[in-house]
């Protein structure tokens, strides 16, 4: 099962996005992220989904449904997306 993120890992990811993928710092053709929407399970204080919104596009990452058997963690999949040039 794809692992969720702790609140600390989510904060570190948001800091990474601010430093590397924000509108002021995102080098083309990397994704430019304007909004980050974490979804937190308050029973366990873990992040189980994250939506990244840019200019007109949204990319959603989950650990449920079709991603339940994904071997990579939620954070690993998001970081790969952020570091991959967009076409």
N, C-alpha and C. Protein backbone atom coordinates (compact mmCIF):
# COMPACT_ATOMS: atom_id res chain seq x y z
N UNK A 1 0.84 -1.19 0.00
CA UNK A 1 0.00 0.00 0.00
C UNK A 1 0.88 1.24 0.00
N UNK A 2 0.53 2.19 -0.79
CA UNK A 2 1.25 3.46 -0.84
C UNK A 2 1.13 4.16 0.50
N UNK A 3 2.25 4.56 1.05
CA UNK A 3 2.26 5.18 2.37
C UNK A 3 1.92 6.66 2.28
N UNK A 4 1.18 7.14 3.27
CA UNK A 4 0.87 8.56 3.36
C UNK A 4 2.06 9.33 3.92
N UNK A 5 1.84 10.58 4.26
CA UNK A 5 2.89 11.44 4.79
C UNK A 5 2.53 11.89 6.19
N UNK A 6 3.56 12.11 6.98
CA UNK A 6 3.35 12.75 8.26
C UNK A 6 3.16 14.24 8.02
N UNK A 7 2.70 14.94 9.04
CA UNK A 7 2.54 16.39 8.90
C UNK A 7 3.90 17.06 8.68
N UNK A 8 4.95 16.56 9.30
CA UNK A 8 6.30 17.10 9.11
C UNK A 8 6.76 16.90 7.66
N UNK A 9 6.53 15.72 7.11
CA UNK A 9 6.90 15.46 5.72
C UNK A 9 6.13 16.37 4.77
N UNK A 10 4.86 16.61 5.09
CA UNK A 10 4.04 17.50 4.26
C UNK A 10 4.59 18.93 4.32
N UNK A 11 4.94 19.39 5.50
CA UNK A 11 5.53 20.72 5.63
C UNK A 11 6.83 20.83 4.84
N UNK A 12 7.68 19.80 4.93
CA UNK A 12 8.94 19.78 4.17
C UNK A 12 8.67 19.80 2.67
N UNK A 13 7.64 19.09 2.22
CA UNK A 13 7.28 19.08 0.81
C UNK A 13 6.81 20.46 0.36
N UNK A 14 6.01 21.12 1.17
CA UNK A 14 5.54 22.47 0.83
C UNK A 14 6.72 23.44 0.76
N UNK A 15 7.68 23.30 1.66
CA UNK A 15 8.88 24.13 1.62
C UNK A 15 9.66 23.86 0.33
N UNK A 16 9.76 22.59 -0.06
CA UNK A 16 10.45 22.22 -1.30
C UNK A 16 9.75 22.86 -2.51
N UNK A 17 8.42 22.80 -2.52
CA UNK A 17 7.66 23.40 -3.62
C UNK A 17 7.88 24.91 -3.66
N UNK A 18 7.87 25.55 -2.50
CA UNK A 18 8.09 27.00 -2.44
C UNK A 18 9.46 27.38 -2.98
N UNK A 19 10.45 26.54 -2.73
CA UNK A 19 11.82 26.84 -3.17
C UNK A 19 12.11 26.44 -4.61
N UNK A 20 11.33 25.49 -5.17
CA UNK A 20 11.67 24.95 -6.49
C UNK A 20 10.57 25.02 -7.53
N UNK A 21 9.32 25.09 -7.12
CA UNK A 21 8.22 25.00 -8.07
C UNK A 21 7.19 26.11 -7.91
N UNK A 22 7.50 27.14 -7.17
CA UNK A 22 6.56 28.25 -6.99
C UNK A 22 6.57 29.12 -8.25
N UNK A 23 5.56 29.98 -8.42
CA UNK A 23 5.54 30.83 -9.62
C UNK A 23 6.79 31.70 -9.77
N UNK A 24 7.40 32.10 -8.66
CA UNK A 24 8.59 32.95 -8.74
C UNK A 24 9.87 32.16 -9.02
N UNK A 25 9.87 30.86 -8.73
CA UNK A 25 11.12 30.10 -8.81
C UNK A 25 11.09 28.89 -9.72
N UNK A 26 9.97 28.59 -10.32
CA UNK A 26 9.87 27.38 -11.13
C UNK A 26 10.54 27.59 -12.49
N UNK A 27 11.65 26.88 -12.74
CA UNK A 27 12.27 27.00 -14.06
C UNK A 27 11.49 26.16 -15.08
N UNK A 28 11.15 26.79 -16.20
CA UNK A 28 10.46 26.06 -17.25
C UNK A 28 11.36 24.94 -17.72
N UNK A 29 10.93 23.76 -17.95
CA UNK A 29 9.57 23.25 -18.07
C UNK A 29 9.08 22.49 -16.85
N UNK A 30 9.63 22.74 -15.67
CA UNK A 30 9.14 22.07 -14.47
C UNK A 30 7.74 22.58 -14.13
N UNK A 31 6.95 21.77 -13.42
CA UNK A 31 5.61 22.22 -13.05
C UNK A 31 5.66 23.47 -12.17
N UNK A 32 4.78 24.38 -12.43
CA UNK A 32 4.66 25.60 -11.62
C UNK A 32 3.43 25.43 -10.73
N UNK A 33 3.64 25.40 -9.43
CA UNK A 33 2.58 25.13 -8.47
C UNK A 33 2.19 26.42 -7.76
N UNK A 34 0.92 26.76 -7.87
CA UNK A 34 0.40 27.96 -7.23
C UNK A 34 -0.27 27.63 -5.89
N UNK A 35 -0.96 26.49 -5.80
CA UNK A 35 -1.66 26.09 -4.59
C UNK A 35 -1.37 24.63 -4.26
N UNK A 36 -1.23 24.33 -2.97
CA UNK A 36 -1.06 22.97 -2.47
C UNK A 36 -2.19 22.70 -1.50
N UNK A 37 -2.96 21.66 -1.77
CA UNK A 37 -4.10 21.30 -0.92
C UNK A 37 -3.87 19.92 -0.30
N UNK A 38 -3.33 19.86 0.93
CA UNK A 38 -3.18 18.56 1.58
C UNK A 38 -4.51 18.13 2.21
N UNK A 39 -4.76 16.83 2.19
CA UNK A 39 -5.95 16.26 2.81
C UNK A 39 -5.47 15.43 4.00
N UNK A 40 -5.87 15.85 5.20
CA UNK A 40 -5.35 15.26 6.43
C UNK A 40 -6.42 14.42 7.11
N UNK A 41 -6.05 13.21 7.49
CA UNK A 41 -6.91 12.35 8.30
C UNK A 41 -6.66 12.72 9.75
N UNK A 42 -7.61 13.38 10.37
CA UNK A 42 -7.42 13.88 11.74
C UNK A 42 -7.41 12.76 12.78
N UNK A 43 -7.82 11.55 12.40
CA UNK A 43 -7.75 10.44 13.35
C UNK A 43 -6.30 10.01 13.56
N UNK A 44 -5.51 10.07 12.49
CA UNK A 44 -4.13 9.59 12.56
C UNK A 44 -3.10 10.70 12.33
N UNK A 45 -3.56 11.90 11.98
CA UNK A 45 -2.68 13.02 11.65
C UNK A 45 -1.72 12.69 10.52
N UNK A 46 -2.24 12.00 9.52
CA UNK A 46 -1.44 11.70 8.33
C UNK A 46 -2.11 12.32 7.11
N UNK A 47 -1.29 12.66 6.14
CA UNK A 47 -1.77 13.22 4.88
C UNK A 47 -1.98 12.05 3.93
N UNK A 48 -3.22 11.88 3.44
CA UNK A 48 -3.53 10.76 2.57
C UNK A 48 -3.74 11.18 1.12
N UNK A 49 -3.79 12.48 0.86
CA UNK A 49 -3.95 12.97 -0.52
C UNK A 49 -3.42 14.40 -0.60
N UNK A 50 -2.93 14.76 -1.77
CA UNK A 50 -2.44 16.12 -2.01
C UNK A 50 -2.87 16.52 -3.42
N UNK A 51 -3.42 17.71 -3.54
CA UNK A 51 -3.75 18.29 -4.84
C UNK A 51 -2.79 19.45 -5.10
N UNK A 52 -2.16 19.43 -6.26
CA UNK A 52 -1.26 20.50 -6.67
C UNK A 52 -1.96 21.26 -7.79
N UNK A 53 -2.13 22.55 -7.60
CA UNK A 53 -2.82 23.36 -8.61
C UNK A 53 -1.88 24.42 -9.14
N UNK A 54 -1.81 24.51 -10.45
CA UNK A 54 -1.01 25.51 -11.11
C UNK A 54 -1.91 26.49 -11.84
N UNK A 55 -1.50 26.90 -13.00
CA UNK A 55 -2.28 27.82 -13.80
C UNK A 55 -3.16 27.04 -14.77
N UNK A 56 -4.37 26.73 -14.32
CA UNK A 56 -5.32 26.02 -15.16
C UNK A 56 -5.24 24.51 -15.11
N UNK A 57 -4.30 23.96 -14.40
CA UNK A 57 -4.21 22.51 -14.31
C UNK A 57 -4.11 22.06 -12.86
N UNK A 58 -4.60 20.85 -12.59
CA UNK A 58 -4.57 20.27 -11.26
C UNK A 58 -4.03 18.86 -11.36
N UNK A 59 -3.18 18.49 -10.43
CA UNK A 59 -2.65 17.12 -10.37
C UNK A 59 -2.95 16.61 -8.97
N UNK A 60 -3.67 15.49 -8.89
CA UNK A 60 -4.06 14.90 -7.62
C UNK A 60 -3.26 13.64 -7.35
N UNK A 61 -2.84 13.50 -6.10
CA UNK A 61 -2.10 12.32 -5.65
C UNK A 61 -2.84 11.74 -4.46
N UNK A 62 -3.05 10.41 -4.47
CA UNK A 62 -3.79 9.72 -3.41
C UNK A 62 -3.05 8.46 -2.99
N UNK A 63 -3.44 7.93 -1.83
CA UNK A 63 -2.94 6.61 -1.42
C UNK A 63 -4.09 5.60 -1.42
N UNK A 64 -5.26 6.01 -1.88
CA UNK A 64 -6.42 5.13 -1.90
C UNK A 64 -6.79 4.78 -3.33
N UNK A 65 -7.83 3.97 -3.47
CA UNK A 65 -8.40 3.58 -4.76
C UNK A 65 -7.35 2.96 -5.67
N UNK A 66 -7.14 3.52 -6.86
CA UNK A 66 -6.23 2.89 -7.82
C UNK A 66 -4.76 2.95 -7.40
N UNK A 67 -4.43 3.75 -6.40
CA UNK A 67 -3.04 3.86 -5.95
C UNK A 67 -2.76 3.03 -4.69
N UNK A 68 -3.72 2.22 -4.27
CA UNK A 68 -3.57 1.50 -3.01
C UNK A 68 -2.42 0.48 -3.07
N UNK A 69 -2.11 -0.05 -4.25
CA UNK A 69 -1.02 -1.02 -4.36
C UNK A 69 0.27 -0.40 -4.91
N UNK A 70 0.31 0.91 -5.02
CA UNK A 70 1.50 1.61 -5.52
C UNK A 70 2.66 1.41 -4.54
N UNK A 71 3.82 0.92 -5.01
CA UNK A 71 4.94 0.68 -4.09
C UNK A 71 5.62 1.95 -3.58
N UNK A 72 5.53 3.04 -4.34
CA UNK A 72 6.17 4.29 -3.91
C UNK A 72 5.26 5.04 -2.95
N UNK A 73 5.88 5.77 -2.05
CA UNK A 73 5.09 6.55 -1.09
C UNK A 73 4.48 7.77 -1.78
N UNK A 74 3.53 8.39 -1.12
CA UNK A 74 2.89 9.59 -1.63
C UNK A 74 3.93 10.68 -1.89
N UNK A 75 4.83 10.87 -0.94
CA UNK A 75 5.86 11.90 -1.09
C UNK A 75 6.78 11.61 -2.27
N UNK A 76 7.18 10.37 -2.45
CA UNK A 76 8.06 10.00 -3.57
C UNK A 76 7.41 10.30 -4.91
N UNK A 77 6.14 9.97 -5.04
CA UNK A 77 5.43 10.21 -6.31
C UNK A 77 5.29 11.70 -6.59
N UNK A 78 5.03 12.48 -5.55
CA UNK A 78 4.89 13.93 -5.75
C UNK A 78 6.22 14.55 -6.13
N UNK A 79 7.29 14.17 -5.45
CA UNK A 79 8.61 14.73 -5.77
C UNK A 79 9.05 14.36 -7.19
N UNK A 80 8.75 13.15 -7.61
CA UNK A 80 9.08 12.75 -8.99
C UNK A 80 8.34 13.64 -9.98
N UNK A 81 7.07 13.89 -9.72
CA UNK A 81 6.29 14.77 -10.58
C UNK A 81 6.88 16.17 -10.62
N UNK A 82 7.26 16.69 -9.46
CA UNK A 82 7.80 18.05 -9.39
C UNK A 82 9.12 18.20 -10.11
N UNK A 83 9.91 17.13 -10.16
CA UNK A 83 11.24 17.19 -10.77
C UNK A 83 11.24 16.78 -12.24
N UNK A 84 10.12 16.32 -12.75
CA UNK A 84 10.04 15.87 -14.14
C UNK A 84 9.63 17.02 -15.06
N UNK A 85 10.40 17.29 -16.09
CA UNK A 85 10.02 18.35 -17.04
C UNK A 85 8.67 18.05 -17.68
N UNK A 86 7.85 19.06 -17.80
CA UNK A 86 6.54 18.93 -18.42
C UNK A 86 6.64 19.27 -19.91
N UNK A 87 5.85 18.59 -20.70
CA UNK A 87 5.87 18.87 -22.13
C UNK A 87 4.63 19.61 -22.56
